[in-house]
Protein backbone atom coordinates (compact mmCIF):
# COMPACT_ATOMS: atom_id res chain seq x y z
CA MET A 1 153.95 144.62 46.11
CA ALA A 2 156.70 146.95 47.31
CA SER A 3 160.27 146.17 46.31
CA ILE A 4 163.04 145.43 48.83
CA GLU A 5 164.48 148.88 48.17
CA GLU A 6 161.13 150.55 48.83
CA ILE A 7 160.61 148.58 52.05
CA ARG A 8 164.08 149.50 53.25
CA ALA A 9 163.51 153.19 52.45
CA GLU A 10 160.24 153.18 54.40
CA ARG A 11 161.85 151.54 57.41
CA LEU A 12 164.78 153.96 57.31
CA LYS A 13 162.28 156.80 57.55
CA LYS A 14 160.65 155.15 60.59
CA LEU A 15 164.10 154.75 62.12
CA LYS A 16 164.83 158.45 61.56
CA ASP A 17 161.49 159.48 63.04
CA LEU A 18 162.16 157.38 66.13
CA THR A 19 165.65 158.79 66.51
CA ASP A 20 164.43 162.35 66.04
CA ALA A 21 161.85 161.72 68.77
CA GLY A 22 164.63 160.66 71.13
CA VAL A 23 163.74 156.97 71.10
CA SER A 24 166.66 154.55 71.50
CA THR A 25 166.21 152.17 68.56
CA TYR A 26 169.09 149.82 69.39
CA PRO A 27 169.39 149.73 73.21
CA ALA A 28 172.10 147.56 74.73
CA THR A 29 169.83 145.57 77.02
CA SER A 30 166.24 144.82 77.99
CA ALA A 31 164.20 144.46 81.16
CA ARG A 32 163.10 140.88 80.40
CA THR A 33 161.75 138.97 83.39
CA HIS A 34 160.73 135.73 81.66
CA TYR A 35 161.55 133.67 78.61
CA LEU A 36 158.45 132.84 76.58
CA LYS A 37 158.91 129.14 77.25
CA GLU A 38 158.90 129.86 80.99
CA VAL A 39 155.67 131.83 80.62
CA MET A 40 153.99 129.01 78.73
CA ASN A 41 155.22 126.32 81.14
CA ASP A 42 154.05 128.25 84.23
CA PHE A 43 151.12 129.99 82.55
CA GLU A 44 148.33 129.24 85.05
CA THR A 45 150.38 130.51 87.98
CA LEU A 46 151.41 133.68 86.17
CA GLN A 47 147.84 134.26 85.02
CA SER A 48 146.37 133.85 88.51
CA GLU A 49 148.95 136.17 90.07
CA ALA A 50 147.88 138.90 87.62
CA GLY A 51 151.30 140.51 87.91
CA GLU A 52 153.13 142.25 85.10
CA LEU A 53 155.92 140.49 83.30
CA VAL A 54 158.34 141.55 80.58
CA VAL A 55 159.06 139.41 77.52
CA VAL A 56 161.15 140.06 74.42
CA GLY A 57 161.60 138.67 70.95
CA ARG A 58 161.23 139.14 67.22
CA ILE A 59 157.88 139.86 65.56
CA LEU A 60 157.20 137.01 63.12
CA ALA A 61 153.65 137.96 62.18
CA SER A 62 151.17 140.74 62.87
CA ARG A 63 147.42 140.88 62.23
CA GLY A 64 144.86 143.68 62.58
CA GLN A 65 145.21 147.46 62.53
CA GLY A 66 142.33 148.84 64.58
CA ALA A 67 141.56 148.49 68.24
CA LEU A 68 142.66 144.84 68.22
CA ILE A 69 146.08 143.65 67.03
CA PHE A 70 147.64 140.19 67.33
CA ALA A 71 151.37 139.62 66.97
CA ASP A 72 153.48 136.46 67.08
CA LEU A 73 156.56 136.99 69.24
CA PHE A 74 159.53 134.57 69.14
CA ASP A 75 162.47 134.76 71.56
CA GLY A 76 164.35 131.58 70.63
CA THR A 77 162.71 129.46 73.33
CA ALA A 78 159.09 129.60 72.13
CA LYS A 79 156.58 131.54 70.05
CA MET A 80 153.73 133.28 71.85
CA GLN A 81 150.89 135.60 70.93
CA VAL A 82 150.92 139.23 72.02
CA VAL A 83 147.60 141.08 72.04
CA ILE A 84 147.19 144.84 71.77
CA LYS A 85 143.62 145.86 72.61
CA LEU A 86 142.08 149.14 73.57
CA PRO A 87 141.36 150.21 76.27
CA GLU A 88 143.54 147.67 78.18
CA THR A 89 146.49 148.76 76.09
CA PRO A 90 147.07 152.54 76.22
CA GLU A 91 146.28 154.25 72.93
CA SER A 92 149.80 155.73 72.77
CA VAL A 93 151.26 152.21 72.88
CA ARG A 94 148.89 151.03 70.15
CA ASP A 95 149.81 154.04 68.00
CA PHE A 96 153.55 153.43 68.56
CA TYR A 97 153.15 149.81 67.44
CA VAL A 98 151.09 150.65 64.36
CA ARG A 99 153.33 153.50 63.27
CA PHE A 100 156.81 152.12 63.95
CA VAL A 101 156.82 148.34 64.45
CA ASP A 102 157.29 145.98 61.49
CA ILE A 103 157.51 142.23 61.10
CA GLY A 104 161.13 141.34 61.81
CA ASP A 105 161.64 143.94 64.56
CA PHE A 106 162.86 142.93 68.01
CA ILE A 107 160.66 144.41 70.73
CA GLU A 108 160.13 144.34 74.48
CA VAL A 109 156.57 143.85 75.79
CA LYS A 110 155.37 144.51 79.32
CA GLY A 111 151.99 143.07 80.18
CA ASN A 112 149.96 140.27 81.76
CA ALA A 113 149.49 136.61 80.96
CA PHE A 114 145.96 135.84 79.81
CA ALA A 115 144.08 133.27 77.72
CA THR A 116 141.89 134.21 74.75
CA LYS A 117 138.32 132.91 74.35
CA THR A 118 139.76 130.00 72.36
CA GLY A 119 142.19 129.22 75.19
CA GLN A 120 145.34 130.45 73.45
CA GLN A 121 148.06 131.52 75.86
CA SER A 122 148.86 135.19 75.25
CA ILE A 123 150.40 138.35 76.66
CA PHE A 124 148.20 141.43 77.04
CA ALA A 125 150.54 144.27 76.06
CA ARG A 126 150.53 147.43 78.17
CA GLU A 127 153.92 148.75 77.04
CA VAL A 128 155.97 148.16 73.89
CA LYS A 129 159.61 149.16 73.45
CA MET A 130 161.85 148.88 70.39
CA LEU A 131 164.97 146.73 70.90
CA ALA A 132 166.26 146.52 67.31
CA LYS A 133 164.66 147.99 64.20
CA SER A 134 164.93 145.73 61.15
CA LEU A 135 165.57 147.50 57.86
CA LEU A 136 164.99 144.49 55.61
CA PRO A 137 161.92 142.21 55.64
CA LEU A 138 161.81 138.55 56.62
CA PRO A 139 161.21 135.98 53.85
CA ASP A 140 157.67 134.85 53.18
CA LYS A 141 156.89 132.41 56.01
CA PHE A 142 155.06 130.00 53.70
CA HIS A 143 157.67 129.77 50.94
CA GLY A 144 160.92 130.76 52.64
CA ILE A 145 163.99 131.32 50.50
CA GLN A 146 163.82 129.31 47.29
CA ASP A 147 167.30 129.90 45.85
CA GLU A 148 169.62 127.22 47.29
CA GLU A 149 172.80 129.30 47.42
CA LEU A 150 170.96 132.33 48.81
CA ARG A 151 169.31 130.13 51.42
CA LEU A 152 172.70 128.96 52.67
CA ARG A 153 174.16 132.46 52.58
CA LEU A 154 171.23 133.86 54.57
CA ARG A 155 171.14 130.89 56.90
CA TYR A 156 169.85 132.98 59.82
CA LEU A 157 166.71 133.81 57.81
CA ASP A 158 166.41 130.21 56.64
CA ILE A 159 166.30 129.08 60.27
CA ILE A 160 163.65 131.66 61.17
CA THR A 161 161.29 130.48 58.42
CA ASN A 162 162.01 126.76 58.80
CA PRO A 163 161.32 125.35 62.28
CA GLU A 164 162.40 121.85 61.20
CA LEU A 165 165.84 123.22 60.27
CA ARG A 166 166.17 124.71 63.72
CA SER A 167 165.17 121.37 65.26
CA MET A 168 167.82 119.61 63.16
CA PHE A 169 170.55 121.87 64.51
CA GLU A 170 169.33 121.24 68.05
CA ARG A 171 169.57 117.49 67.33
CA LYS A 172 173.07 117.98 65.97
CA ALA A 173 174.13 119.73 69.18
CA LYS A 174 172.70 116.80 71.12
CA PHE A 175 174.57 114.41 68.80
CA TRP A 176 177.92 115.76 69.96
CA GLN A 177 176.73 116.01 73.58
CA VAL A 178 175.88 112.31 73.51
CA VAL A 179 179.27 111.43 72.00
CA ARG A 180 181.13 113.47 74.60
CA LYS A 181 179.10 111.98 77.48
CA PHE A 182 179.51 108.43 76.15
CA LEU A 183 183.30 108.67 75.95
CA SER A 184 183.74 110.62 79.18
CA GLU A 185 181.71 108.07 81.13
CA ARG A 186 184.05 105.34 79.85
CA GLY A 187 187.17 107.06 81.11
CA PHE A 188 188.30 108.90 77.97
CA LEU A 189 190.02 112.22 78.65
CA GLU A 190 189.02 115.08 76.35
CA VAL A 191 192.10 116.79 74.91
CA GLU A 192 193.01 119.55 72.47
CA THR A 193 195.70 119.16 69.81
CA PRO A 194 197.11 121.60 67.21
CA THR A 195 195.05 122.66 64.21
CA LEU A 196 198.14 124.16 62.52
CA GLU A 197 200.78 121.58 61.62
CA THR A 198 204.10 121.52 59.82
CA THR A 199 203.12 118.16 58.34
CA THR A 200 199.62 116.75 58.04
CA GLY A 201 199.09 113.27 59.43
CA GLY A 202 196.34 110.83 60.23
CA ALA A 203 194.56 110.78 56.88
CA GLU A 204 195.07 110.82 53.15
CA ALA A 205 193.78 114.15 51.88
CA GLN A 206 194.97 117.36 50.25
CA PRO A 207 195.47 120.05 52.92
CA PHE A 208 195.00 123.81 53.00
CA ALA A 209 198.38 125.54 53.12
CA THR A 210 199.19 128.71 55.07
CA HIS A 211 202.24 130.55 56.42
CA HIS A 212 203.34 131.31 59.97
CA ASN A 213 204.85 134.79 59.78
CA ASP A 214 206.56 134.87 63.18
CA TYR A 215 208.40 131.55 62.66
CA ASP A 216 208.59 132.00 58.87
CA LEU A 217 207.18 128.50 58.42
CA ASP A 218 204.94 127.04 55.75
CA MET A 219 202.16 125.22 57.59
CA PHE A 220 198.96 123.27 56.97
CA MET A 221 195.48 123.17 58.46
CA ARG A 222 194.99 119.76 60.02
CA ILE A 223 193.19 117.02 58.11
CA SER A 224 192.54 114.79 61.14
CA VAL A 225 191.62 115.46 64.77
CA GLY A 226 195.13 115.12 66.10
CA GLU A 227 195.72 111.46 65.27
CA LEU A 228 199.50 111.59 65.52
CA TRP A 229 199.28 113.93 68.51
CA GLN A 230 196.90 111.69 70.44
CA LYS A 231 199.21 108.75 69.79
CA ARG A 232 201.95 110.79 71.43
CA LEU A 233 199.66 111.00 74.46
CA MET A 234 199.45 107.20 74.49
CA SER A 235 203.25 107.20 74.67
CA ALA A 236 203.02 109.79 77.46
CA GLY A 237 200.96 107.38 79.55
CA PHE A 238 197.38 108.56 79.09
CA PRO A 239 195.24 105.40 78.80
CA LYS A 240 192.30 106.91 76.88
CA THR A 241 191.87 110.22 75.07
CA PHE A 242 189.45 111.82 72.63
CA GLU A 243 189.01 115.09 70.79
CA ILE A 244 186.09 116.68 68.97
CA GLY A 245 187.15 119.44 66.60
CA ARG A 246 187.26 120.98 63.13
CA VAL A 247 189.32 119.57 60.27
CA TYR A 248 190.06 120.97 56.82
CA ARG A 249 190.52 119.20 53.50
CA ASN A 250 191.10 121.06 50.24
CA GLU A 251 188.99 118.70 48.17
CA GLY A 252 185.76 118.67 46.18
CA THR A 253 182.23 119.22 47.45
CA SER A 254 179.63 116.45 47.31
CA PRO A 255 176.64 115.30 49.38
CA GLU A 256 179.16 113.53 51.64
CA HIS A 257 182.11 115.96 51.56
CA THR A 258 182.83 119.56 52.46
CA GLN A 259 186.16 121.30 53.00
CA GLU A 260 185.56 122.09 56.69
CA PHE A 261 183.78 119.80 59.13
CA THR A 262 183.75 118.42 62.67
CA ASN A 263 185.30 115.06 63.52
CA CYS A 264 185.86 113.03 66.65
CA GLU A 265 188.80 110.70 67.26
CA PHE A 266 189.47 108.54 70.30
CA TYR A 267 192.46 106.41 71.31
CA PHE A 268 192.51 103.51 73.72
CA ALA A 269 195.85 102.15 74.98
CA TYR A 270 196.35 98.38 75.36
CA ALA A 271 193.37 97.68 73.11
CA ASN A 272 193.10 96.41 69.53
CA TYR A 273 190.64 96.85 66.68
CA GLU A 274 188.38 94.05 67.93
CA GLU A 275 187.77 95.99 71.14
CA GLY A 276 187.34 99.15 69.07
CA MET A 277 184.51 97.57 67.09
CA LYS A 278 182.63 96.77 70.30
CA ILE A 279 182.89 100.39 71.51
CA VAL A 280 181.84 101.83 68.14
CA GLN A 281 178.84 99.56 67.82
CA GLU A 282 177.68 100.58 71.29
CA LEU A 283 178.39 104.27 70.58
CA TYR A 284 176.43 104.34 67.32
CA ARG A 285 173.47 102.56 68.89
CA THR A 286 173.52 105.04 71.78
CA ILE A 287 173.55 107.99 69.36
CA ALA A 288 170.62 106.50 67.45
CA ARG A 289 168.49 105.96 70.53
CA GLU A 290 169.26 109.17 72.42
CA VAL A 291 169.39 111.60 69.48
CA PHE A 292 166.93 110.09 66.97
CA ASN A 293 164.78 107.90 69.24
CA THR A 294 165.11 104.97 66.83
CA THR A 295 167.68 102.50 65.56
CA THR A 296 166.06 102.04 62.15
CA PHE A 297 166.91 104.49 59.37
CA THR A 298 166.20 104.95 55.69
CA THR A 299 168.79 107.05 53.87
CA ARG A 300 170.33 107.29 50.40
CA GLY A 301 167.90 104.58 49.25
CA HIS A 302 169.09 102.12 51.92
CA THR A 303 167.31 100.90 55.05
CA PHE A 304 169.25 99.56 58.05
CA ASP A 305 168.77 98.90 61.75
CA LEU A 306 171.69 99.63 64.06
CA ALA A 307 170.22 97.22 66.59
CA ASP A 308 170.87 94.33 64.17
CA GLU A 309 173.97 92.18 64.44
CA TRP A 310 176.87 93.93 62.71
CA GLN A 311 178.45 91.50 60.26
CA LYS A 312 182.10 91.69 59.22
CA ILE A 313 182.90 91.70 55.52
CA ASP A 314 186.34 91.06 54.06
CA TYR A 315 187.68 93.74 51.71
CA ARG A 316 189.21 91.38 49.17
CA GLU A 317 186.32 88.92 49.25
CA GLU A 318 183.70 91.64 48.79
CA VAL A 319 185.46 93.21 45.80
CA LEU A 320 185.85 89.74 44.25
CA ARG A 321 182.19 88.94 44.89
CA GLN A 322 180.89 92.15 43.32
CA THR A 323 183.34 92.62 40.44
CA GLY A 324 185.09 89.31 39.83
CA ILE A 325 188.44 91.07 40.48
CA ASP A 326 190.96 89.58 42.92
CA ILE A 327 192.93 92.62 44.07
CA GLU A 328 195.91 90.51 45.14
CA LEU A 329 196.35 88.91 41.73
CA VAL A 330 195.06 91.45 39.21
CA SER A 331 197.27 93.89 37.29
CA ASP A 332 196.80 97.66 37.32
CA ALA A 333 195.77 97.49 33.67
CA ASP A 334 193.02 94.97 34.46
CA ILE A 335 191.69 97.20 37.27
CA LYS A 336 191.55 100.15 34.85
CA ASN A 337 189.71 98.00 32.33
CA LYS A 338 187.20 96.91 34.96
CA LEU A 339 186.65 100.52 36.07
CA ALA A 340 186.07 101.50 32.45
CA GLU A 341 183.61 98.63 32.07
CA LEU A 342 181.78 99.76 35.21
CA LYS A 343 181.85 103.37 33.93
CA VAL A 344 183.56 104.57 37.10
CA LYS A 345 185.54 107.80 36.91
CA TYR A 346 188.71 108.02 38.96
CA GLU A 347 191.70 110.23 39.67
CA GLY A 348 195.20 108.90 40.18
CA HIS A 349 196.67 105.91 38.45
CA ASN A 350 198.83 104.33 41.14
CA ARG A 351 197.77 100.98 42.51
CA GLU A 352 196.56 102.36 45.86
CA ARG A 353 194.11 104.77 44.19
CA LEU A 354 192.91 102.14 41.69
CA ILE A 355 192.13 99.56 44.38
CA ASP A 356 190.45 102.18 46.55
CA THR A 357 188.26 103.31 43.63
CA LEU A 358 187.23 99.74 42.92
CA TRP A 359 186.25 99.25 46.56
CA LYS A 360 184.23 102.49 46.60
CA TYR A 361 182.19 101.18 43.67
CA CYS A 362 181.37 98.07 45.70
CA ARG A 363 180.69 99.99 48.89
CA LYS A 364 177.67 101.84 47.49
CA ASN A 365 175.78 98.53 47.28
CA ILE A 366 176.07 97.76 51.00
CA SER A 367 173.27 98.95 53.31
CA GLY A 368 174.85 97.81 56.58
CA PRO A 369 175.35 97.94 59.37
CA VAL A 370 178.60 96.06 58.74
CA PHE A 371 182.28 96.43 59.57
CA LEU A 372 184.69 96.30 56.65
CA VAL A 373 187.85 94.44 57.74
CA ASN A 374 191.12 93.20 56.29
CA SER A 375 191.86 96.23 54.12
CA PRO A 376 195.02 95.99 51.97
CA LEU A 377 198.24 97.20 53.54
CA LEU A 378 198.78 99.62 50.67
CA VAL A 379 195.70 101.72 51.47
CA SER A 380 196.26 101.90 55.25
CA PRO A 381 199.68 103.39 56.12
CA LEU A 382 199.02 103.77 59.86
CA ALA A 383 197.42 100.42 60.74
CA LYS A 384 199.07 97.33 62.23
CA LYS A 385 199.52 94.36 59.88
CA ASN A 386 197.61 91.13 60.10
CA GLU A 387 199.63 87.94 60.27
CA ASP A 388 199.34 87.50 56.49
CA GLY A 389 201.49 90.61 56.01
CA LYS A 390 199.17 91.80 53.20
CA THR A 391 196.21 93.24 55.11
CA VAL A 392 195.79 95.37 58.21
CA GLN A 393 193.81 95.34 61.45
CA GLN A 394 191.46 98.06 60.31
CA PHE A 395 187.69 98.37 60.66
CA GLN A 396 185.24 100.72 58.99
CA PRO A 397 181.52 100.90 59.78
CA ILE A 398 179.51 100.90 56.53
CA LEU A 399 176.03 102.43 56.44
CA ALA A 400 173.92 103.27 53.40
CA GLY A 401 176.74 102.59 50.96
CA SER A 402 179.31 104.79 52.69
CA GLU A 403 182.07 104.63 55.28
CA VAL A 404 181.04 106.48 58.43
CA GLY A 405 184.21 106.06 60.45
CA LYS A 406 187.58 104.34 60.44
CA GLY A 407 189.63 102.68 63.15
CA TYR A 408 192.47 100.23 63.57
CA SER A 409 195.05 98.65 65.76
CA GLU A 410 197.58 101.45 65.56
CA LEU A 411 200.97 100.72 64.06
CA ASN A 412 203.55 101.12 66.83
CA ASP A 413 206.55 99.49 65.11
CA PRO A 414 208.84 102.46 64.27
CA LEU A 415 210.76 100.62 61.54
CA ASP A 416 207.60 99.48 59.78
CA GLN A 417 206.09 102.96 60.10
CA ARG A 418 209.22 104.52 58.61
CA ARG A 419 209.02 102.20 55.59
CA ARG A 420 205.37 103.08 55.04
CA PHE A 421 206.04 106.81 55.30
CA GLU A 422 208.77 106.38 52.69
CA ILE A 423 206.25 104.74 50.34
CA GLN A 424 203.85 107.63 50.91
CA GLN A 425 206.66 110.07 50.13
CA GLN A 426 207.18 108.33 46.80
CA LEU A 427 203.47 108.67 46.05
CA LEU A 428 203.62 112.38 46.87
CA ALA A 429 206.64 112.81 44.63
CA SER A 430 204.79 111.08 41.78
CA GLY A 431 201.96 113.62 42.00
CA ASP A 432 199.49 111.94 44.37
CA LYS A 433 198.22 115.01 46.28
CA GLU A 434 196.28 112.89 48.79
CA ALA A 435 199.19 110.71 49.88
CA MET A 436 200.22 111.06 53.53
CA MET A 437 203.07 113.34 54.54
CA ALA A 438 205.86 111.82 56.60
CA ASP A 439 206.14 112.97 60.22
CA TRP A 440 209.67 112.08 61.29
CA ASP A 441 209.13 113.45 64.82
CA PHE A 442 206.34 110.90 65.11
CA ILE A 443 208.82 108.16 64.17
CA GLU A 444 211.09 109.41 66.95
CA MET A 445 208.22 109.08 69.40
CA LEU A 446 207.60 105.51 68.26
CA GLU A 447 211.26 104.72 68.83
CA HIS A 448 210.79 105.85 72.43
CA GLY A 449 207.87 103.43 72.55
CA MET A 450 204.07 103.49 72.25
CA PRO A 451 201.80 100.82 73.77
CA PRO A 452 199.40 98.73 71.69
CA THR A 453 196.55 101.12 70.89
CA CYS A 454 193.18 101.19 69.14
CA GLY A 455 192.18 104.44 67.47
CA PHE A 456 188.94 105.42 65.78
CA GLY A 457 187.62 108.51 64.03
CA PHE A 458 184.25 109.60 62.67
CA GLY A 459 182.57 112.86 61.88
CA GLU A 460 179.43 114.87 61.38
CA ARG A 461 178.84 112.89 58.19
CA LEU A 462 177.35 110.22 60.46
CA PHE A 463 174.78 112.76 61.65
CA ALA A 464 174.03 113.72 58.03
CA PHE A 465 173.51 110.07 57.11
CA LEU A 466 171.19 109.35 60.01
CA SER A 467 169.28 112.55 59.13
CA ASP A 468 169.15 111.54 55.43
CA LYS A 469 170.47 114.93 54.35
CA PRO A 470 173.52 116.12 52.38
CA LEU A 471 176.39 117.04 54.69
CA ARG A 472 176.33 120.68 53.58
CA GLU A 473 172.66 120.96 54.55
CA THR A 474 173.44 119.88 58.12
CA GLN A 475 176.09 122.56 58.62
CA MET A 476 174.92 125.86 60.07
CA PHE A 477 177.11 128.01 57.87
CA PRO A 478 178.57 126.01 54.96
CA LEU A 479 181.00 127.82 52.70
CA VAL A 480 179.36 129.81 49.90
CA ARG A 481 180.93 132.10 47.34
CA PRO A 482 181.01 135.74 48.51
CA LYS A 483 178.20 137.89 47.24
CA ALA A 484 179.26 140.23 44.46
CA ARG A 485 179.14 143.84 45.62
CA GLU A 486 178.41 146.68 43.23
């Protein structure tokens, strides 16, 4: 078997021969008249008309070398067979194909629609033109790319050799289309908010830092989809807003986490978290039915049905039930001892991180669908308090042992918000890199007044869960280390 270097050298020679013969090997356009899918959908009409048509695409396979050659052509809409057969195909065209065309090349074919003896829809080629000469071969169509990191780096080849992967990305596009349609039909206005911020708000995560040269400002890539900005729009009088966009978190990689991903957040003035739960339940069921054609899923070893009644589970009660720890009464030392007993690793030793780690241990045992409610005040710096003063009006949908969204009755008391920001500042000063930065301009907005509001955010992790795939696998171009160059 020839090496990659030998294949490339052979194709470079073909490229030179074509160029020397005055053939344009990388023309800027084509004379296409039909997409392959259009040909297949209207095949009988095109066949009966017996007129010539022009199709284009990449050669995925080629068989035969004599008077009869079959090639599989793919243009992104469909795959169709092209037939080269003497004498219907001029000998010069056959010779051009045999001498210069390789699997992986993009070509233009002029010919007629016809069906083979077995009934296979095909194009009888009468002219063949080079559109882009490939210098490197495609991966083996049966085995694809085996190395995981290489597969992600050469994602475009991975998609060519894996039709199911292509279908998954088409489903993911539909996922966001359904979300956008669902919210727009319910009166939510789509907005755009800054991705560069002087302070990060709306989540607890370590940001990516950068510098704005013109203003000489240290800045951060956003870690939420404009939470504090969309709340400003509630103050401005917009009743409902949403945004779908990229966020960035300088944290570790896992099946559920990457450093760059797409999230959606929506805000609903004069509504609380109870109304938010109703919208989210309806939204998730709509996504399931319209994108996946089912409401029942098996993922991460859990099975759940989104059509079932969504129970509410209490944060404190669930941790007590699973671990025997009452988070309101237990000491930090006792939580650490319990985590050690459960063999749970954790980072950060302040009470907020310890309680959150204990909850995450419990969460993995819940299949859902459920809403987690009554989270402790300490772990939710932007949510409105419950009447007990210890918990907040927050809700989180739990599926397959993970949180796939978070929403709450937004805190609109400026004095309370200021106190909570001050606590977060103390956590930052003590070394907690995920604590929330204070946004004092946001406090000023609250002092001008913001109506009661429900906000909710979720991301492409929901799509990954419903697809039962790691998040990184569902991203078209996840971050990989640059290839070392000699």
